Amino acid sequence: MPGANDAEYVALEDGISPKLEHYTKVSILPLVFLIFYEVSGGPFGVEDSVKAAGPLLALLGFVIFPFIWSVPEALITAELSTMFPENAGYVVWVSSALGPYWGFQQGWMKWLSGVIDNALYPVLFLDYLKSAFPILEDGLPRTAAVLGITLLLTYVNYRGLTIVGWVAVLLGVFSLLPFLVMGVIAVPELKPSRWLVFDLDNVDWALYLNTLFWNLNYWDSISTLSGEVENPGRTLPRALFYALIFVVLAYFFPLLIGTGAIPLNRDSWEDGYFSEIAKIIGGVWLRFWVQGASAVSNMGMFVAEMSSDSFQLLGMAERGMLPECFARRSRYGTPLVGILFSASGVVLLSWLSFQEIVAAENFLYCFGMIMEFVAFVKLRVEYPAVSRPYKVPIGTVGAVLMCVPPTLLICVVLALASFKVMCLSLVAVLVGLVLRPCLQYSEKKGWFRFSNPRDYANQMFTDQ
């Protein structure tokens, strides 16, 4: 891998690798739903925003926060994913701007935060089902359920990204339908005055910001699937735009219903509370539907996140950052070793609580996003003439200014982290700093075989 200052990025054969021609590419509709599940998956998990800050701040948060964070991240993802349409995604962005060592650190932190994120979905899945099946609350049945869910959804990922994409479409439609029904039934009960309740002296800012941040980030995750997308230069920006609107509405509308239709009890607003709201508004049948929707939504988020994580490892292996075994595909075109590694991480981390998982992944994710912002600006300055099928319509100064609000937000999220989360996250960062030279040493000793990146990459660097 050449360094950041002695390399130029060039396309080969329109960015298509002969090795991938026989695999079906992902079209725009499945891609929109994959992004939807990478970022959101529906309103399941937003309940803590009301518990932390009350209805008004929760509603305002899901309107204002996307402009501070989601829009800049989605725009950067659209530009850099079309500039580098390959599966290493943000790893390539950072490698191009800061060199392969920091590209590896980016890959390590983002993969780890993604695996931590995926460990959350079996927890949420069981949190929604435990009211109907109390046996799943703890103990051996809960552990067995986590393992069973993980194995089943890992197999779905193994069968192919196209299947994952269309499964995401079906799950997305099913998981959002009960909220449309709930909205229609709740209209006579809505009281707009309930939406205006707030108490600035009684706000848990750490929980509030972590909940918003977790529910509205990960727009860049789709970049690790860029090499699997049909016509990425056109498809990715459009899919990101449609998904952004979709995600905001999928949060705001259910919150509007839940806070406006029933009397406020902030302590009740925690994971799984939408199923209780459904029971109050429509009865037991609607509660079961919402619980089922939550279950399939968490399935969708799990398969989408695992696809992103495993294809990221494949992309890193194609660039010689990981052993060659990570670059091997199954007969379905999926990265088998990457899937197994990601699934193992999910099982190992599933013992953490919901709040601990959210805080830990947010902390690691923040480090990675800082490097992405730096890479975005630096590539604009140093490689202004390199082809960008989609380019954010702002100049260099505008690019810097666009990164300022989300960077300030990152600083706030980091400052609000608990000491436990901070220590665990810093240990994880240190592991990544040591892991890169250890892998290079193993390559030198011949313990593992590493790919020549020119053998696999859809696009590559060549010395000037």
Protein backbone atom coordinates (compact mmCIF):
# COMPACT_ATOMS: atom_id res chain seq x y z
CA MET A 1 0.00 0.00 0.00
CA PRO A 2 1.54 3.32 -1.02
CA GLY A 3 1.33 6.24 1.34
CA ALA A 4 -1.21 9.02 1.25
CA ASN A 5 1.11 11.58 -0.30
CA ASP A 6 2.59 9.51 -3.12
CA ALA A 7 -0.52 7.96 -4.59
CA GLU A 8 -3.24 8.79 -7.04
CA TYR A 9 -6.57 7.03 -7.19
CA VAL A 10 -7.56 5.80 -10.65
CA ALA A 11 -10.42 3.66 -11.93
CA LEU A 12 -10.00 0.39 -13.78
CA GLU A 13 -12.58 -0.76 -16.34
CA ASP A 14 -15.28 1.54 -14.95
CA GLY A 15 -14.69 0.23 -11.45
CA ILE A 16 -15.91 -3.31 -12.15
CA SER A 17 -13.83 -6.28 -11.10
CA PRO A 18 -14.00 -9.38 -13.31
CA LYS A 19 -14.17 -11.46 -10.11
CA LEU A 20 -17.53 -9.89 -9.20
CA GLU A 21 -19.32 -9.81 -12.56
CA HIS A 22 -21.28 -13.02 -11.92
CA TYR A 23 -22.68 -11.81 -8.58
CA THR A 24 -26.02 -10.01 -8.62
CA LYS A 25 -25.70 -6.33 -7.73
CA VAL A 26 -27.98 -4.53 -5.29
CA SER A 27 -30.53 -2.17 -6.88
CA ILE A 28 -31.95 1.05 -5.42
CA LEU A 29 -35.03 -0.23 -3.52
CA PRO A 30 -33.22 -2.90 -1.49
CA LEU A 31 -30.38 -0.40 -0.99
CA VAL A 32 -32.78 2.18 0.52
CA PHE A 33 -34.04 -0.40 3.00
CA LEU A 34 -30.51 -1.59 3.79
CA ILE A 35 -29.59 2.01 4.65
CA PHE A 36 -32.84 2.33 6.62
CA TYR A 37 -31.86 -0.68 8.70
CA GLU A 38 -28.23 0.39 9.02
CA VAL A 39 -29.40 3.67 10.55
CA SER A 40 -32.84 3.11 12.01
CA GLY A 41 -35.12 0.12 11.58
CA GLY A 42 -38.09 2.06 12.90
CA PRO A 43 -38.95 3.77 16.19
CA PHE A 44 -37.90 0.86 18.41
CA GLY A 45 -35.25 2.24 20.74
CA VAL A 46 -36.28 5.92 20.68
CA GLU A 47 -38.36 5.61 23.85
CA ASP A 48 -35.46 6.68 26.06
CA SER A 49 -35.47 10.13 24.43
CA VAL A 50 -38.85 10.86 26.05
CA LYS A 51 -37.72 9.38 29.36
CA ALA A 52 -34.61 11.54 29.32
CA ALA A 53 -36.05 14.88 28.18
CA GLY A 54 -39.83 14.80 27.81
CA PRO A 55 -42.03 14.97 24.68
CA LEU A 56 -41.07 18.39 23.31
CA LEU A 57 -37.31 17.89 23.35
CA ALA A 58 -37.70 14.36 22.03
CA LEU A 59 -39.74 15.56 19.04
CA LEU A 60 -37.48 18.54 18.40
CA GLY A 61 -34.43 16.31 18.66
CA PHE A 62 -35.57 14.07 15.82
CA VAL A 63 -36.25 17.13 13.64
CA ILE A 64 -33.16 19.25 14.39
CA PHE A 65 -30.55 16.56 15.03
CA PRO A 66 -30.67 15.18 11.44
CA PHE A 67 -29.57 18.60 10.09
CA ILE A 68 -26.65 18.73 12.55
CA TRP A 69 -25.50 15.15 12.10
CA SER A 70 -27.35 12.96 9.59
CA VAL A 71 -27.33 15.30 6.59
CA PRO A 72 -23.57 16.07 6.73
CA GLU A 73 -22.72 12.41 7.26
CA ALA A 74 -24.99 11.29 4.41
CA LEU A 75 -23.55 13.92 2.04
CA ILE A 76 -19.96 12.93 2.86
CA THR A 77 -20.88 9.27 2.40
CA ALA A 78 -22.48 9.98 -0.98
CA GLU A 79 -19.42 11.87 -2.28
CA LEU A 80 -16.70 9.55 -1.00
CA SER A 81 -18.57 6.31 -1.76
CA THR A 82 -18.91 7.33 -5.40
CA MET A 83 -15.28 8.47 -5.46
CA PHE A 84 -14.17 5.09 -4.03
CA PRO A 85 -16.85 2.52 -5.01
CA GLU A 86 -15.40 -0.51 -3.26
CA ASN A 87 -16.14 -2.58 -0.19
CA ALA A 88 -13.49 -1.15 2.09
CA GLY A 89 -15.60 2.03 2.21
CA TYR A 90 -14.46 4.52 4.83
CA VAL A 91 -11.25 2.53 5.32
CA VAL A 92 -10.22 3.59 1.81
CA TRP A 93 -11.23 7.21 2.45
CA VAL A 94 -8.99 7.49 5.49
CA SER A 95 -6.17 5.49 3.88
CA SER A 96 -6.22 7.85 0.90
CA ALA A 97 -5.99 10.95 3.07
CA LEU A 98 -3.98 9.85 6.11
CA GLY A 99 -2.20 6.66 5.04
CA PRO A 100 -2.90 2.93 5.50
CA TYR A 101 -1.99 2.83 9.21
CA TRP A 102 -4.81 5.21 10.08
CA GLY A 103 -7.04 3.53 7.52
CA PHE A 104 -6.60 0.32 9.49
CA GLN A 105 -7.44 2.12 12.75
CA GLN A 106 -10.59 3.44 11.11
CA GLY A 107 -11.54 -0.07 10.03
CA TRP A 108 -10.89 -1.52 13.48
CA MET A 109 -12.91 1.09 15.37
CA LYS A 110 -15.82 1.07 12.92
CA TRP A 111 -15.97 -2.71 12.75
CA LEU A 112 -15.89 -2.98 16.53
CA SER A 113 -18.57 -0.30 16.97
CA GLY A 114 -20.67 -2.10 14.35
CA VAL A 115 -20.36 -5.43 16.16
CA ILE A 116 -21.24 -3.74 19.46
CA ASP A 117 -24.24 -2.19 17.70
CA ASN A 118 -25.31 -5.59 16.40
CA ALA A 119 -25.09 -7.07 19.90
CA LEU A 120 -27.92 -4.68 20.80
CA TYR A 121 -30.53 -6.15 18.45
CA PRO A 122 -31.04 -9.51 20.15
CA VAL A 123 -31.36 -7.54 23.41
CA LEU A 124 -34.04 -5.25 21.94
CA PHE A 125 -35.74 -8.23 20.30
CA LEU A 126 -36.10 -10.01 23.64
CA ASP A 127 -37.03 -6.81 25.51
CA TYR A 128 -40.12 -6.50 23.31
CA LEU A 129 -41.05 -10.19 23.60
CA LYS A 130 -40.50 -10.60 27.36
CA SER A 131 -43.80 -8.88 28.21
CA ALA A 132 -45.60 -11.61 26.29
CA PHE A 133 -43.12 -14.37 27.20
CA PRO A 134 -41.69 -13.63 30.69
CA ILE A 135 -39.43 -16.69 30.50
CA LEU A 136 -37.19 -14.71 28.12
CA GLU A 137 -36.40 -12.07 30.75
CA ASP A 138 -33.21 -13.71 32.04
CA GLY A 139 -31.35 -16.93 32.67
CA LEU A 140 -30.71 -19.85 30.33
CA PRO A 141 -33.81 -19.30 28.11
CA ARG A 142 -32.65 -15.76 27.31
CA THR A 143 -29.11 -16.92 26.55
CA ALA A 144 -30.41 -19.71 24.31
CA ALA A 145 -32.69 -17.25 22.52
CA VAL A 146 -29.78 -14.86 21.84
CA LEU A 147 -27.69 -17.70 20.38
CA GLY A 148 -30.58 -19.01 18.29
CA ILE A 149 -31.39 -15.58 16.85
CA THR A 150 -27.74 -14.93 16.04
CA LEU A 151 -27.29 -18.28 14.25
CA LEU A 152 -30.47 -17.89 12.19
CA LEU A 153 -29.70 -14.37 10.99
CA THR A 154 -26.06 -15.20 10.36
CA TYR A 155 -27.25 -17.89 7.96
CA VAL A 156 -29.42 -15.33 6.13
CA ASN A 157 -26.31 -13.18 5.65
CA TYR A 158 -24.38 -16.17 4.36
CA ARG A 159 -26.97 -16.78 1.63
CA GLY A 160 -26.25 -13.52 -0.18
CA LEU A 161 -26.55 -9.73 -0.08
CA THR A 162 -29.36 -9.66 -2.64
CA ILE A 163 -31.46 -11.89 -0.39
CA VAL A 164 -30.59 -9.68 2.58
CA GLY A 165 -31.71 -6.60 0.62
CA TRP A 166 -35.12 -7.96 -0.34
CA VAL A 167 -35.62 -9.43 3.12
CA ALA A 168 -34.96 -5.90 4.44
CA VAL A 169 -37.72 -4.54 2.14
CA LEU A 170 -40.28 -7.06 3.38
CA LEU A 171 -39.32 -6.63 7.03
CA GLY A 172 -39.38 -2.84 6.70
CA VAL A 173 -42.92 -2.78 5.34
CA PHE A 174 -44.18 -5.17 8.01
CA SER A 175 -42.46 -3.36 10.90
CA LEU A 176 -43.89 0.08 10.03
CA LEU A 177 -47.48 -0.90 9.16
CA PRO A 178 -48.73 -1.14 12.78
CA PHE A 179 -47.69 2.47 13.42
CA LEU A 180 -49.77 3.65 10.49
CA VAL A 181 -52.73 1.73 11.91
CA MET A 182 -52.00 3.09 15.39
CA GLY A 183 -51.92 6.62 14.01
CA VAL A 184 -55.35 6.28 12.42
CA ILE A 185 -56.90 4.82 15.59
CA ALA A 186 -55.23 7.43 17.82
CA VAL A 187 -56.49 10.54 15.99
CA PRO A 188 -59.52 11.13 18.30
CA GLU A 189 -57.26 10.81 21.38
CA LEU A 190 -54.53 13.22 20.31
CA LYS A 191 -54.01 16.28 22.53
CA PRO A 192 -51.42 18.70 21.06
CA SER A 193 -50.74 20.22 24.50
CA ARG A 194 -49.02 16.97 25.48
CA TRP A 195 -46.39 17.56 22.78
CA LEU A 196 -45.30 20.82 24.44
CA VAL A 197 -44.32 19.38 27.83
CA PHE A 198 -40.69 19.94 28.85
CA ASP A 199 -38.65 20.56 31.98
CA LEU A 200 -35.08 21.76 31.42
CA ASP A 201 -34.27 21.17 35.08
CA ASN A 202 -35.08 17.49 34.72
CA VAL A 203 -33.16 16.37 31.60
CA ASP A 204 -30.72 13.48 31.44
CA TRP A 205 -28.54 14.99 28.73
CA ALA A 206 -26.22 12.00 28.43
CA LEU A 207 -29.09 9.57 27.82
CA TYR A 208 -30.90 12.06 25.56
CA LEU A 209 -27.91 12.76 23.27
CA ASN A 210 -26.77 9.13 23.21
CA THR A 211 -30.27 8.04 22.17
CA LEU A 212 -30.46 10.64 19.38
CA PHE A 213 -26.91 9.92 18.25
CA TRP A 214 -27.41 6.16 18.17
CA ASN A 215 -30.70 6.39 16.28
CA LEU A 216 -29.44 8.83 13.65
CA ASN A 217 -25.90 7.69 12.84
CA TYR A 218 -24.26 4.95 10.76
CA TRP A 219 -25.06 6.56 7.40
CA ASP A 220 -21.51 5.75 6.32
CA SER A 221 -21.98 2.01 6.92
CA ILE A 222 -23.44 1.54 3.46
CA SER A 223 -20.07 2.58 1.99
CA THR A 224 -18.68 -0.88 2.80
CA LEU A 225 -21.20 -2.32 0.33
CA SER A 226 -20.34 0.11 -2.48
CA GLY A 227 -18.66 -2.63 -4.49
CA GLU A 228 -21.89 -4.65 -4.45
CA VAL A 229 -24.15 -1.82 -5.72
CA GLU A 230 -25.46 -1.54 -9.25
CA ASN A 231 -24.19 1.73 -10.80
CA PRO A 232 -22.99 3.17 -7.45
CA GLY A 233 -22.23 6.64 -8.84
CA ARG A 234 -25.94 7.19 -9.47
CA THR A 235 -27.64 4.72 -7.13
CA LEU A 236 -25.89 5.49 -3.82
CA PRO A 237 -26.65 9.26 -3.61
CA ARG A 238 -30.30 8.72 -4.53
CA ALA A 239 -30.69 5.87 -2.04
CA LEU A 240 -29.15 7.97 0.74
CA PHE A 241 -31.54 10.86 -0.01
CA TYR A 242 -34.65 8.66 0.02
CA ALA A 243 -33.49 6.81 3.14
CA LEU A 244 -32.87 10.08 5.03
CA ILE A 245 -36.47 11.20 4.57
CA PHE A 246 -37.72 7.71 5.35
CA VAL A 247 -35.75 7.47 8.60
CA VAL A 248 -36.83 10.86 9.99
CA LEU A 249 -40.52 10.14 9.31
CA ALA A 250 -40.23 6.66 10.82
CA TYR A 251 -39.08 8.25 14.10
CA PHE A 252 -41.16 11.41 14.24
CA PHE A 253 -44.59 10.00 13.38
CA PRO A 254 -44.68 7.24 16.07
CA LEU A 255 -43.31 9.65 18.70
CA LEU A 256 -46.03 12.12 17.75
CA ILE A 257 -48.68 9.43 18.25
CA GLY A 258 -47.27 8.00 21.49
CA THR A 259 -46.73 11.32 23.26
CA GLY A 260 -49.96 12.91 22.05
CA ALA A 261 -52.47 10.09 22.56
CA ILE A 262 -51.79 9.00 26.16
CA PRO A 263 -51.01 10.83 29.42
CA LEU A 264 -47.30 11.34 30.05
CA ASN A 265 -45.41 9.09 32.44
CA ARG A 266 -41.75 9.63 31.63
CA ASP A 267 -40.54 6.72 33.76
CA SER A 268 -42.53 4.31 31.58
CA TRP A 269 -40.79 5.41 28.39
CA GLU A 270 -38.11 2.76 28.07
CA ASP A 271 -37.26 -0.07 25.70
CA GLY A 272 -40.42 -1.82 24.57
CA TYR A 273 -42.88 0.87 25.67
CA PHE A 274 -44.41 1.29 22.22
CA SER A 275 -46.04 -2.13 22.63
CA GLU A 276 -47.79 -0.88 25.78
CA ILE A 277 -48.88 2.28 23.96
CA ALA A 278 -50.31 0.08 21.22
CA LYS A 279 -52.30 -1.89 23.80
CA ILE A 280 -53.72 1.32 25.33
CA ILE A 281 -54.68 2.76 21.94
CA GLY A 282 -55.86 -0.31 20.05
CA GLY A 283 -55.97 -3.28 22.36
CA VAL A 284 -54.06 -6.51 22.83
CA TRP A 285 -54.09 -7.36 19.11
CA LEU A 286 -52.23 -4.15 18.25
CA ARG A 287 -49.71 -4.75 21.03
CA PHE A 288 -48.90 -8.18 19.60
CA TRP A 289 -48.53 -6.63 16.14
CA VAL A 290 -46.09 -4.00 17.44
CA GLN A 291 -44.15 -6.67 19.30
CA GLY A 292 -43.95 -8.72 16.12
CA ALA A 293 -42.91 -5.62 14.18
CA SER A 294 -40.15 -4.96 16.71
CA ALA A 295 -38.94 -8.52 16.36
CA VAL A 296 -38.69 -8.38 12.57
CA SER A 297 -37.23 -4.86 12.72
CA ASN A 298 -34.40 -6.08 14.91
CA MET A 299 -33.89 -8.94 12.48
CA GLY A 300 -33.58 -6.41 9.67
CA MET A 301 -31.09 -4.26 11.57
CA PHE A 302 -29.05 -7.31 12.47
CA VAL A 303 -28.70 -8.62 8.91
CA ALA A 304 -27.99 -5.14 7.48
CA GLU A 305 -25.31 -4.38 10.08
CA MET A 306 -23.69 -7.79 9.73
CA SER A 307 -23.56 -7.36 5.94
CA SER A 308 -21.79 -4.03 6.35
CA ASP A 309 -19.35 -5.34 8.96
CA SER A 310 -18.43 -8.51 7.07
CA PHE A 311 -18.02 -6.83 3.68
CA GLN A 312 -15.82 -4.21 5.36
CA LEU A 313 -13.49 -7.00 6.49
CA LEU A 314 -13.54 -8.40 2.96
CA GLY A 315 -12.62 -5.00 1.54
CA MET A 316 -9.77 -4.59 4.03
CA ALA A 317 -8.44 -8.03 3.11
CA GLU A 318 -8.60 -7.17 -0.61
CA ARG A 319 -6.35 -4.22 0.19
CA GLY A 320 -3.89 -6.36 2.10
CA MET A 321 -4.78 -5.04 5.56
CA LEU A 322 -6.10 -8.38 6.84
CA PRO A 323 -5.15 -12.00 6.06
CA GLU A 324 -6.27 -13.27 2.68
CA CYS A 325 -8.85 -15.65 4.16
CA PHE A 326 -11.08 -12.63 4.90
CA ALA A 327 -11.22 -11.87 1.16
CA ARG A 328 -12.59 -15.27 0.17
CA ARG A 329 -16.24 -15.43 -0.83
CA SER A 330 -18.74 -18.22 -0.42
CA ARG A 331 -20.57 -19.61 -3.45
CA TYR A 332 -23.23 -16.98 -2.71
CA GLY A 333 -20.69 -14.15 -3.02
CA THR A 334 -20.64 -13.45 0.72
CA PRO A 335 -17.54 -13.07 2.96
CA LEU A 336 -17.79 -16.24 5.05
CA VAL A 337 -14.89 -15.55 7.45
CA GLY A 338 -16.02 -11.96 7.99
CA ILE A 339 -19.55 -13.15 8.78
CA LEU A 340 -18.27 -15.70 11.31
CA PHE A 341 -16.02 -13.13 13.00
CA SER A 342 -18.85 -10.60 13.24
CA ALA A 343 -21.28 -13.19 14.60
CA SER A 344 -18.76 -14.28 17.25
CA GLY A 345 -18.33 -10.67 18.38
CA VAL A 346 -22.10 -10.27 18.71
CA VAL A 347 -22.38 -13.34 20.95
CA LEU A 348 -19.47 -12.24 23.15
CA LEU A 349 -20.88 -8.73 23.66
CA SER A 350 -24.57 -9.61 24.12
CA TRP A 351 -24.21 -9.61 27.95
CA LEU A 352 -23.97 -5.80 28.03
CA SER A 353 -27.03 -3.71 28.93
CA PHE A 354 -28.85 -1.51 26.39
CA GLN A 355 -27.44 1.78 27.73
CA GLU A 356 -23.89 0.38 27.99
CA ILE A 357 -24.01 -0.90 24.42
CA VAL A 358 -25.27 2.43 23.07
CA ALA A 359 -22.69 4.48 24.99
CA ALA A 360 -19.77 2.20 24.08
CA GLU A 361 -20.53 2.08 20.38
CA ASN A 362 -21.15 5.83 20.26
CA PHE A 363 -17.76 6.49 21.87
CA LEU A 364 -15.86 4.34 19.34
CA TYR A 365 -17.96 5.61 16.46
CA CYS A 366 -17.05 9.21 17.32
CA PHE A 367 -13.33 8.53 16.88
CA GLY A 368 -13.96 7.04 13.47
CA MET A 369 -16.15 9.93 12.36
CA ILE A 370 -13.47 12.50 13.26
CA MET A 371 -11.08 10.73 10.89
CA GLU A 372 -13.76 10.66 8.18
CA PHE A 373 -14.28 14.42 8.45
CA VAL A 374 -10.53 15.02 8.23
CA ALA A 375 -10.29 12.70 5.22
CA PHE A 376 -13.20 14.44 3.46
CA VAL A 377 -11.62 17.87 3.77
CA LYS A 378 -8.08 16.70 2.99
CA LEU A 379 -9.15 14.86 -0.16
CA ARG A 380 -10.99 17.99 -1.31
CA VAL A 381 -7.79 20.01 -0.83
CA GLU A 382 -5.19 17.56 -2.17
CA TYR A 383 -7.16 15.78 -4.92
CA PRO A 384 -9.67 18.32 -6.26
CA ALA A 385 -9.49 16.95 -9.83
CA VAL A 386 -10.16 13.28 -9.02
CA SER A 387 -13.47 12.08 -10.43
CA ARG A 388 -16.41 12.30 -8.04
CA PRO A 389 -19.64 11.08 -9.72
CA TYR A 390 -21.48 12.86 -6.91
CA LYS A 391 -19.95 15.94 -5.32
CA VAL A 392 -21.44 17.96 -2.47
CA PRO A 393 -22.08 21.38 -4.11
CA ILE A 394 -19.85 23.39 -1.78
CA GLY A 395 -16.25 24.57 -1.95
CA THR A 396 -13.38 23.80 0.40
CA VAL A 397 -14.45 26.39 2.97
CA GLY A 398 -17.98 25.04 2.83
CA ALA A 399 -16.66 21.51 3.35
CA VAL A 400 -14.84 22.63 6.50
CA LEU A 401 -17.87 24.52 7.83
CA MET A 402 -20.17 21.55 7.15
CA CYS A 403 -17.99 19.38 9.42
CA VAL A 404 -17.94 21.86 12.33
CA PRO A 405 -21.41 21.20 13.90
CA PRO A 406 -21.11 17.38 13.89
CA THR A 407 -17.56 17.64 15.25
CA LEU A 408 -18.77 19.79 18.15
CA LEU A 409 -21.52 17.25 18.77
CA ILE A 410 -18.92 14.48 18.86
CA CYS A 411 -17.01 16.39 21.54
CA VAL A 412 -20.17 16.65 23.65
CA VAL A 413 -20.96 12.92 23.28
CA LEU A 414 -17.40 12.00 24.26
CA ALA A 415 -17.48 14.34 27.26
CA LEU A 416 -20.74 12.82 28.53
CA ALA A 417 -19.47 9.23 28.42
CA SER A 418 -19.24 7.41 31.74
CA PHE A 419 -15.84 6.52 33.16
CA LYS A 420 -16.47 2.80 32.56
CA VAL A 421 -17.40 3.32 28.91
CA MET A 422 -14.47 5.68 28.40
CA CYS A 423 -11.97 3.19 29.84
CA LEU A 424 -13.31 0.23 27.84
CA SER A 425 -13.36 2.26 24.63
CA LEU A 426 -9.82 3.58 25.10
CA VAL A 427 -8.61 0.02 25.69
CA ALA A 428 -10.27 -0.98 22.40
CA VAL A 429 -8.52 1.91 20.63
CA LEU A 430 -5.15 0.84 22.07
CA VAL A 431 -5.74 -2.70 20.84
CA GLY A 432 -6.16 -1.35 17.31
CA LEU A 433 -2.96 0.70 17.56
CA VAL A 434 -1.04 -2.48 18.43
CA LEU A 435 -2.93 -4.86 16.13
CA ARG A 436 -1.75 -3.25 12.88
CA PRO A 437 2.01 -3.72 13.50
CA CYS A 438 1.32 -7.23 14.84
CA LEU A 439 -0.40 -8.18 11.57
CA GLN A 440 2.47 -6.69 9.57
CA TYR A 441 4.93 -8.73 11.64
CA SER A 442 2.91 -11.91 11.03
CA GLU A 443 2.97 -11.19 7.30
CA LYS A 444 6.73 -10.72 7.39
CA LYS A 445 7.17 -14.00 9.24
CA GLY A 446 4.84 -15.80 6.84
CA TRP A 447 2.36 -16.83 9.54
CA PHE A 448 -0.56 -15.53 7.47
CA ARG A 449 -0.92 -14.94 3.77
CA PHE A 450 -1.95 -11.44 2.75
CA SER A 451 -3.41 -10.41 -0.60
CA ASN A 452 -1.77 -8.09 -3.03
CA PRO A 453 -4.37 -5.32 -3.17
CA ARG A 454 -3.94 -4.98 -6.94
CA ASP A 455 -5.23 -8.53 -7.38
CA TYR A 456 -8.64 -7.84 -5.89
CA ALA A 457 -9.59 -4.17 -5.62
CA ASN A 458 -12.19 -2.70 -7.94
CA GLN A 459 -10.05 0.39 -8.01
CA MET A 460 -6.51 0.98 -6.88
CA PHE A 461 -3.68 3.32 -6.11
CA THR A 462 -0.75 3.75 -8.48
CA ASP A 463 2.47 5.63 -7.78
CA GLN A 464 2.66 9.02 -9.41
